[in-house]
């Protein structure tokens, strides 16, 4: 009986882990799409709910781009730099 409960518990835990990993984007393209869709929704929300204009948003996005580049968060294929 103990062995059956252990097997059942293991199956429930394994199933829950699988469900967790399937809930988000799986590959690079899906993750990129998810980021882009979230960004689009955020820009639209700010255009509707706030008084800032698109020039302010563009400036903020350019600052974020610079911040990401300066922090080294760009993965431009480091394997290509190795000899």
PDB file of N, CA and C in Angstrom:
ATOM      1  N   UNK A   1       0.823  -1.197   0.000  1.00  0.00           N
ATOM      2  CA  UNK A   1       0.000   0.000   0.000  1.00  0.00           C
ATOM      3  C   UNK A   1       0.864   1.256   0.000  1.00  0.00           C
ATOM      4  N   UNK A   2       1.933   1.254   0.801  1.00  0.00           N
ATOM      5  CA  UNK A   2       2.812   2.401   0.878  1.00  0.00           C
ATOM      6  C   UNK A   2       3.426   2.692  -0.492  1.00  0.00           C
ATOM      7  N   UNK A   3       3.797   1.668  -1.208  1.00  0.00           N
ATOM      8  CA  UNK A   3       4.403   1.820  -2.518  1.00  0.00           C
ATOM      9  C   UNK A   3       3.429   2.450  -3.512  1.00  0.00           C
ATOM     10  N   UNK A   4       2.146   2.118  -3.418  1.00  0.00           N
ATOM     11  CA  UNK A   4       1.139   2.697  -4.293  1.00  0.00           C
ATOM     12  C   UNK A   4       0.992   4.202  -4.033  1.00  0.00           C
ATOM     13  N   UNK A   5       1.000   4.591  -2.755  1.00  0.00           N
ATOM     14  CA  UNK A   5       0.889   6.017  -2.419  1.00  0.00           C
ATOM     15  C   UNK A   5       2.113   6.794  -2.896  1.00  0.00           C
ATOM     16  N   UNK A   6       3.266   6.190  -2.770  1.00  0.00           N
ATOM     17  CA  UNK A   6       4.488   6.842  -3.243  1.00  0.00           C
ATOM     18  C   UNK A   6       4.434   7.041  -4.746  1.00  0.00           C
ATOM     19  N   UNK A   7       3.982   6.022  -5.461  1.00  0.00           N
ATOM     20  CA  UNK A   7       3.865   6.120  -6.914  1.00  0.00           C
ATOM     21  C   UNK A   7       2.834   7.174  -7.294  1.00  0.00           C
ATOM     22  N   UNK A   8       1.698   7.188  -6.603  1.00  0.00           N
ATOM     23  CA  UNK A   8       0.659   8.168  -6.882  1.00  0.00           C
ATOM     24  C   UNK A   8       1.164   9.586  -6.613  1.00  0.00           C
ATOM     25  N   UNK A   9       1.820   9.778  -5.480  1.00  0.00           N
ATOM     26  CA  UNK A   9       2.357  11.094  -5.142  1.00  0.00           C
ATOM     27  C   UNK A   9       3.393  11.531  -6.175  1.00  0.00           C
ATOM     28  N   UNK A  10       4.259  10.627  -6.576  1.00  0.00           N
ATOM     29  CA  UNK A  10       5.267  10.944  -7.588  1.00  0.00           C
ATOM     30  C   UNK A  10       4.606  11.351  -8.906  1.00  0.00           C
ATOM     31  N   UNK A  11       3.569  10.645  -9.309  1.00  0.00           N
ATOM     32  CA  UNK A  11       2.870  10.972 -10.554  1.00  0.00           C
ATOM     33  C   UNK A  11       2.195  12.339 -10.483  1.00  0.00           C
ATOM     34  N   UNK A  12       1.629  12.680  -9.329  1.00  0.00           N
ATOM     35  CA  UNK A  12       0.979  13.980  -9.161  1.00  0.00           C
ATOM     36  C   UNK A  12       2.021  15.090  -9.235  1.00  0.00           C
ATOM     37  N   UNK A  13       3.140  14.906  -8.544  1.00  0.00           N
ATOM     38  CA  UNK A  13       4.205  15.919  -8.564  1.00  0.00           C
ATOM     39  C   UNK A  13       4.753  16.063  -9.980  1.00  0.00           C
ATOM     40  N   UNK A  14       5.013  14.951 -10.649  1.00  0.00           N
ATOM     41  CA  UNK A  14       5.544  14.990 -12.004  1.00  0.00           C
ATOM     42  C   UNK A  14       4.564  15.683 -12.953  1.00  0.00           C
ATOM     43  N   UNK A  15       3.275  15.394 -12.808  1.00  0.00           N
ATOM     44  CA  UNK A  15       2.263  16.014 -13.649  1.00  0.00           C
ATOM     45  C   UNK A  15       2.208  17.516 -13.385  1.00  0.00           C
ATOM     46  N   UNK A  16       2.289  17.938 -12.133  1.00  0.00           N
ATOM     47  CA  UNK A  16       2.262  19.358 -11.811  1.00  0.00           C
ATOM     48  C   UNK A  16       3.474  20.085 -12.372  1.00  0.00           C
ATOM     49  N   UNK A  17       4.649  19.449 -12.330  1.00  0.00           N
ATOM     50  CA  UNK A  17       5.837  20.072 -12.909  1.00  0.00           C
ATOM     51  C   UNK A  17       5.674  20.234 -14.406  1.00  0.00           C
ATOM     52  N   UNK A  18       5.115  19.218 -15.071  1.00  0.00           N
ATOM     53  CA  UNK A  18       4.891  19.316 -16.510  1.00  0.00           C
ATOM     54  C   UNK A  18       3.913  20.436 -16.829  1.00  0.00           C
ATOM     55  N   UNK A  19       2.854  20.557 -16.032  1.00  0.00           N
ATOM     56  CA  UNK A  19       1.874  21.618 -16.251  1.00  0.00           C
ATOM     57  C   UNK A  19       2.520  22.987 -16.091  1.00  0.00           C
ATOM     58  N   UNK A  20       3.419  23.106 -15.112  1.00  0.00           N
ATOM     59  CA  UNK A  20       4.085  24.382 -14.870  1.00  0.00           C
ATOM     60  C   UNK A  20       4.915  24.792 -16.075  1.00  0.00           C
ATOM     61  N   UNK A  21       5.672  23.893 -16.624  1.00  0.00           N
ATOM     62  CA  UNK A  21       6.555  24.242 -17.725  1.00  0.00           C
ATOM     63  C   UNK A  21       5.791  24.482 -19.027  1.00  0.00           C
ATOM     64  N   UNK A  22       4.615  23.917 -19.168  1.00  0.00           N
ATOM     65  CA  UNK A  22       3.859  24.086 -20.395  1.00  0.00           C
ATOM     66  C   UNK A  22       3.071  25.396 -20.407  1.00  0.00           C
ATOM     67  N   UNK A  23       3.021  26.082 -19.293  1.00  0.00           N
ATOM     68  CA  UNK A  23       2.175  27.261 -19.208  1.00  0.00           C
ATOM     69  C   UNK A  23       2.763  28.474 -19.918  1.00  0.00           C
ATOM     70  N   UNK A  24       4.050  28.506 -20.142  1.00  0.00           N
ATOM     71  CA  UNK A  24       4.682  29.665 -20.771  1.00  0.00           C
ATOM     72  C   UNK A  24       5.222  29.333 -22.146  1.00  0.00           C
ATOM     73  N   UNK A  25       5.734  30.361 -22.794  1.00  0.00           N
ATOM     74  CA  UNK A  25       6.328  30.142 -24.117  1.00  0.00           C
ATOM     75  C   UNK A  25       7.507  29.180 -24.027  1.00  0.00           C
ATOM     76  N   UNK A  26       7.585  28.266 -24.966  1.00  0.00           N
ATOM     77  CA  UNK A  26       8.598  27.226 -24.899  1.00  0.00           C
ATOM     78  C   UNK A  26       9.892  27.582 -25.617  1.00  0.00           C
ATOM     79  N   UNK A  27       9.819  28.124 -26.781  1.00  0.00           N
ATOM     80  CA  UNK A  27      11.049  28.337 -27.529  1.00  0.00           C
ATOM     81  C   UNK A  27      11.337  29.829 -27.705  1.00  0.00           C
ATOM     82  N   UNK A  28      12.464  30.123 -28.311  1.00  0.00           N
ATOM     83  CA  UNK A  28      12.935  31.493 -28.468  1.00  0.00           C
ATOM     84  C   UNK A  28      11.916  32.347 -29.221  1.00  0.00           C
ATOM     85  N   UNK A  29      11.351  31.810 -30.303  1.00  0.00           N
ATOM     86  CA  UNK A  29      10.374  32.568 -31.088  1.00  0.00           C
ATOM     87  C   UNK A  29       9.115  32.879 -30.290  1.00  0.00           C
ATOM     88  N   UNK A  30       8.613  31.910 -29.539  1.00  0.00           N
ATOM     89  CA  UNK A  30       7.421  32.138 -28.722  1.00  0.00           C
ATOM     90  C   UNK A  30       7.697  33.159 -27.630  1.00  0.00           C
ATOM     91  N   UNK A  31       8.893  33.102 -27.045  1.00  0.00           N
ATOM     92  CA  UNK A  31       9.252  34.073 -26.009  1.00  0.00           C
ATOM     93  C   UNK A  31       9.363  35.471 -26.598  1.00  0.00           C
ATOM     94  N   UNK A  32       9.943  35.565 -27.791  1.00  0.00           N
ATOM     95  CA  UNK A  32      10.052  36.861 -28.463  1.00  0.00           C
ATOM     96  C   UNK A  32       8.669  37.414 -28.779  1.00  0.00           C
ATOM     97  N   UNK A  33       7.787  36.560 -29.289  1.00  0.00           N
ATOM     98  CA  UNK A  33       6.414  36.989 -29.576  1.00  0.00           C
ATOM     99  C   UNK A  33       5.707  37.457 -28.308  1.00  0.00           C
ATOM    100  N   UNK A  34       5.864  36.707 -27.222  1.00  0.00           N
ATOM    101  CA  UNK A  34       5.218  37.072 -25.959  1.00  0.00           C
ATOM    102  C   UNK A  34       5.708  38.437 -25.482  1.00  0.00           C
ATOM    103  N   UNK A  35       7.018  38.678 -25.590  1.00  0.00           N
ATOM    104  CA  UNK A  35       7.575  39.974 -25.192  1.00  0.00           C
ATOM    105  C   UNK A  35       6.995  41.084 -26.056  1.00  0.00           C
ATOM    106  N   UNK A  36       6.957  40.859 -27.353  1.00  0.00           N
ATOM    107  CA  UNK A  36       6.462  41.881 -28.278  1.00  0.00           C
ATOM    108  C   UNK A  36       4.981  42.185 -28.028  1.00  0.00           C
ATOM    109  N   UNK A  37       4.178  41.144 -27.811  1.00  0.00           N
ATOM    110  CA  UNK A  37       2.751  41.353 -27.553  1.00  0.00           C
ATOM    111  C   UNK A  37       2.541  42.122 -26.250  1.00  0.00           C
ATOM    112  N   UNK A  38       3.308  41.770 -25.213  1.00  0.00           N
ATOM    113  CA  UNK A  38       3.209  42.498 -23.939  1.00  0.00           C
ATOM    114  C   UNK A  38       3.615  43.954 -24.115  1.00  0.00           C
ATOM    115  N   UNK A  39       4.677  44.181 -24.874  1.00  0.00           N
ATOM    116  CA  UNK A  39       5.128  45.542 -25.125  1.00  0.00           C
ATOM    117  C   UNK A  39       4.070  46.340 -25.885  1.00  0.00           C
ATOM    118  N   UNK A  40       3.475  45.724 -26.907  1.00  0.00           N
ATOM    119  CA  UNK A  40       2.408  46.385 -27.669  1.00  0.00           C
ATOM    120  C   UNK A  40       1.232  46.756 -26.769  1.00  0.00           C
ATOM    121  N   UNK A  41       0.823  45.817 -25.910  1.00  0.00           N
ATOM    122  CA  UNK A  41      -0.299  46.081 -25.005  1.00  0.00           C
ATOM    123  C   UNK A  41       0.027  47.195 -24.021  1.00  0.00           C
ATOM    124  N   UNK A  42       1.266  47.216 -23.522  1.00  0.00           N
ATOM    125  CA  UNK A  42       1.661  48.249 -22.576  1.00  0.00           C
ATOM    126  C   UNK A  42       1.658  49.624 -23.251  1.00  0.00           C
ATOM    127  N   UNK A  43       2.199  49.713 -24.461  1.00  0.00           N
ATOM    128  CA  UNK A  43       2.217  50.990 -25.178  1.00  0.00           C
ATOM    129  C   UNK A  43       0.793  51.482 -25.420  1.00  0.00           C
ATOM    130  N   UNK A  44      -0.086  50.593 -25.854  1.00  0.00           N
ATOM    131  CA  UNK A  44      -1.480  50.985 -26.086  1.00  0.00           C
ATOM    132  C   UNK A  44      -2.156  51.441 -24.803  1.00  0.00           C
ATOM    133  N   UNK A  45      -1.885  50.752 -23.705  1.00  0.00           N
ATOM    134  CA  UNK A  45      -2.473  51.131 -22.420  1.00  0.00           C
ATOM    135  C   UNK A  45      -1.994  52.512 -22.006  1.00  0.00           C
ATOM    136  N   UNK A  46      -0.704  52.790 -22.156  1.00  0.00           N
ATOM    137  CA  UNK A  46      -0.181  54.105 -21.784  1.00  0.00           C
ATOM    138  C   UNK A  46      -0.733  55.195 -22.683  1.00  0.00           C
ATOM    139  N   UNK A  47      -0.936  54.903 -23.952  1.00  0.00           N
ATOM    140  CA  UNK A  47      -1.528  55.900 -24.850  1.00  0.00           C
ATOM    141  C   UNK A  47      -2.960  56.222 -24.442  1.00  0.00           C
ATOM    142  N   UNK A  48      -3.688  55.233 -23.949  1.00  0.00           N
ATOM    143  CA  UNK A  48      -5.079  55.422 -23.555  1.00  0.00           C
ATOM    144  C   UNK A  48      -5.220  56.051 -22.163  1.00  0.00           C
ATOM    145  N   UNK A  49      -4.391  55.629 -21.206  1.00  0.00           N
ATOM    146  CA  UNK A  49      -4.593  55.992 -19.806  1.00  0.00           C
ATOM    147  C   UNK A  49      -3.751  57.164 -19.311  1.00  0.00           C
ATOM    148  N   UNK A  50      -2.712  57.538 -20.043  1.00  0.00           N
ATOM    149  CA  UNK A  50      -1.793  58.565 -19.560  1.00  0.00           C
ATOM    150  C   UNK A  50      -1.744  59.732 -20.534  1.00  0.00           C
ATOM    151  N   UNK A  51      -1.203  60.836 -20.052  1.00  0.00           N
ATOM    152  CA  UNK A  51      -1.113  62.046 -20.871  1.00  0.00           C
ATOM    153  C   UNK A  51       0.224  62.193 -21.587  1.00  0.00           C
ATOM    154  N   UNK A  52       1.124  61.222 -21.456  1.00  0.00           N
ATOM    155  CA  UNK A  52       2.407  61.345 -22.144  1.00  0.00           C
ATOM    156  C   UNK A  52       2.206  61.076 -23.629  1.00  0.00           C
ATOM    157  N   UNK A  53       3.023  61.743 -24.451  1.00  0.00           N
ATOM    158  CA  UNK A  53       2.885  61.560 -25.893  1.00  0.00           C
ATOM    159  C   UNK A  53       3.870  60.499 -26.398  1.00  0.00           C
ATOM    160  N   UNK A  54       3.784  60.199 -27.670  1.00  0.00           N
ATOM    161  CA  UNK A  54       4.621  59.132 -28.227  1.00  0.00           C
ATOM    162  C   UNK A  54       6.100  59.497 -28.214  1.00  0.00           C
ATOM    163  N   UNK A  55       6.424  60.792 -28.299  1.00  0.00           N
ATOM    164  CA  UNK A  55       7.832  61.194 -28.245  1.00  0.00           C
ATOM    165  C   UNK A  55       8.443  60.847 -26.898  1.00  0.00           C
ATOM    166  N   UNK A  56       7.686  61.019 -25.827  1.00  0.00           N
ATOM    167  CA  UNK A  56       8.162  60.664 -24.485  1.00  0.00           C
ATOM    168  C   UNK A  56       8.352  59.153 -24.390  1.00  0.00           C
ATOM    169  N   UNK A  57       7.405  58.400 -24.926  1.00  0.00           N
ATOM    170  CA  UNK A  57       7.532  56.939 -24.900  1.00  0.00           C
ATOM    171  C   UNK A  57       8.752  56.476 -25.699  1.00  0.00           C
ATOM    172  N   UNK A  58       8.953  57.070 -26.866  1.00  0.00           N
ATOM    173  CA  UNK A  58      10.107  56.704 -27.699  1.00  0.00           C
ATOM    174  C   UNK A  58      11.406  57.018 -26.958  1.00  0.00           C
ATOM    175  N   UNK A  59      11.462  58.174 -26.306  1.00  0.00           N
ATOM    176  CA  UNK A  59      12.648  58.523 -25.526  1.00  0.00           C
ATOM    177  C   UNK A  59      12.909  57.536 -24.403  1.00  0.00           C
ATOM    178  N   UNK A  60      11.848  57.134 -23.707  1.00  0.00           N
ATOM    179  CA  UNK A  60      11.993  56.165 -22.623  1.00  0.00           C
ATOM    180  C   UNK A  60      12.465  54.818 -23.163  1.00  0.00           C
ATOM    181  N   UNK A  61      11.935  54.415 -24.311  1.00  0.00           N
ATOM    182  CA  UNK A  61      12.365  53.151 -24.920  1.00  0.00           C
ATOM    183  C   UNK A  61      13.823  53.228 -25.369  1.00  0.00           C
ATOM    184  N   UNK A  62      14.245  54.376 -25.904  1.00  0.00           N
ATOM    185  CA  UNK A  62      15.645  54.535 -26.304  1.00  0.00           C
ATOM    186  C   UNK A  62      16.564  54.478 -25.094  1.00  0.00           C
ATOM    187  N   UNK A  63      16.144  55.065 -23.982  1.00  0.00           N
ATOM    188  CA  UNK A  63      16.931  54.976 -22.753  1.00  0.00           C
ATOM    189  C   UNK A  63      17.052  53.524 -22.290  1.00  0.00           C
ATOM    190  N   UNK A  64      15.955  52.773 -22.398  1.00  0.00           N
ATOM    191  CA  UNK A  64      15.975  51.368 -21.991  1.00  0.00           C
ATOM    192  C   UNK A  64      16.890  50.560 -22.911  1.00  0.00           C
ATOM    193  N   UNK A  65      16.859  50.859 -24.207  1.00  0.00           N
ATOM    194  CA  UNK A  65      17.741  50.178 -25.153  1.00  0.00           C
ATOM    195  C   UNK A  65      19.197  50.409 -24.754  1.00  0.00           C
ATOM    196  N   UNK A  66      19.546  51.665 -24.476  1.00  0.00           N
ATOM    197  CA  UNK A  66      20.915  51.986 -24.075  1.00  0.00           C
ATOM    198  C   UNK A  66      21.279  51.264 -22.786  1.00  0.00           C
ATOM    199  N   UNK A  67      20.364  51.249 -21.832  1.00  0.00           N
ATOM    200  CA  UNK A  67      20.607  50.555 -20.564  1.00  0.00           C
ATOM    201  C   UNK A  67      20.870  49.071 -20.794  1.00  0.00           C
ATOM    202  N   UNK A  68      20.077  48.435 -21.639  1.00  0.00           N
ATOM    203  CA  UNK A  68      20.269  47.010 -21.921  1.00  0.00           C
ATOM    204  C   UNK A  68      21.609  46.748 -22.601  1.00  0.00           C
ATOM    205  N   UNK A  69      21.988  47.618 -23.535  1.00  0.00           N
ATOM    206  CA  UNK A  69      23.270  47.465 -24.216  1.00  0.00           C
ATOM    207  C   UNK A  69      24.420  47.662 -23.236  1.00  0.00           C
ATOM    208  N   UNK A  70      24.340  48.696 -22.406  1.00  0.00           N
ATOM    209  CA  UNK A  70      25.405  48.984 -21.439  1.00  0.00           C
ATOM    210  C   UNK A  70      25.544  47.875 -20.401  1.00  0.00           C
ATOM    211  N   UNK A  71      24.440  47.250 -20.036  1.00  0.00           N
ATOM    212  CA  UNK A  71      24.478  46.173 -19.037  1.00  0.00           C
ATOM    213  C   UNK A  71      24.965  44.851 -19.627  1.00  0.00           C
ATOM    214  N   UNK A  72      25.104  44.799 -20.935  1.00  0.00           N
ATOM    215  CA  UNK A  72      25.574  43.566 -21.557  1.00  0.00           C
ATOM    216  C   UNK A  72      24.517  42.498 -21.657  1.00  0.00           C
ATOM    217  N   UNK A  73      23.261  42.891 -21.663  1.00  0.00           N
ATOM    218  CA  UNK A  73      22.177  41.927 -21.738  1.00  0.00           C
ATOM    219  C   UNK A  73      21.891  41.456 -23.156  1.00  0.00           C
ATOM    220  N   UNK A  74      22.666  41.917 -24.121  1.00  0.00           N
ATOM    221  CA  UNK A  74      22.448  41.518 -25.507  1.00  0.00           C
ATOM    222  C   UNK A  74      23.185  40.224 -25.773  1.00  0.00           C
ATOM    223  N   UNK A  75      22.478  39.219 -26.206  1.00  0.00           N
ATOM    224  CA  UNK A  75      23.090  37.955 -26.597  1.00  0.00           C
ATOM    225  C   UNK A  75      23.114  37.918 -28.112  1.00  0.00           C
ATOM    226  N   UNK A  76      24.210  38.363 -28.664  1.00  0.00           N
ATOM    227  CA  UNK A  76      24.321  38.434 -30.116  1.00  0.00           C
ATOM    228  C   UNK A  76      25.139  37.265 -30.649  1.00  0.00           C
ATOM    229  N   UNK A  77      25.038  36.154 -29.990  1.00  0.00           N
ATOM    230  CA  UNK A  77      25.760  34.971 -30.449  1.00  0.00           C
ATOM    231  C   UNK A  77      27.202  34.975 -29.981  1.00  0.00           C
ATOM    232  N   UNK A  78      27.406  34.896 -28.687  1.00  0.00           N
ATOM    233  CA  UNK A  78      28.766  34.882 -28.136  1.00  0.00           C
ATOM    234  C   UNK A  78      29.604  33.754 -28.724  1.00  0.00           C
ATOM    235  N   UNK A  79      28.941  32.684 -29.121  1.00  0.00           N
ATOM    236  CA  UNK A  79      29.694  31.574 -29.700  1.00  0.00           C
ATOM    237  C   UNK A  79      30.387  31.972 -30.999  1.00  0.00           C
ATOM    238  N   UNK A  80      29.881  33.005 -31.663  1.00  0.00           N
ATOM    239  CA  UNK A  80      30.502  33.471 -32.888  1.00  0.00           C
ATOM    240  C   UNK A  80      31.799  34.234 -32.596  1.00  0.00           C
ATOM    241  N   UNK A  81      31.939  34.753 -31.377  1.00  0.00           N
ATOM    242  CA  UNK A  81      33.134  35.513 -31.011  1.00  0.00           C
ATOM    243  C   UNK A  81      34.289  34.601 -30.625  1.00  0.00           C
ATOM    244  N   UNK A  82      33.980  33.380 -30.258  1.00  0.00           N
ATOM    245  CA  UNK A  82      35.031  32.439 -29.852  1.00  0.00           C
ATOM    246  C   UNK A  82      35.756  31.906 -31.080  1.00  0.00           C
ATOM    247  N   UNK A  83      37.056  31.764 -30.912  1.00  0.00           N
ATOM    248  CA  UNK A  83      37.838  31.226 -32.034  1.00  0.00           C
ATOM    249  C   UNK A  83      38.296  29.838 -31.736  1.00  0.00           C
TER     250      UNK A  83
END
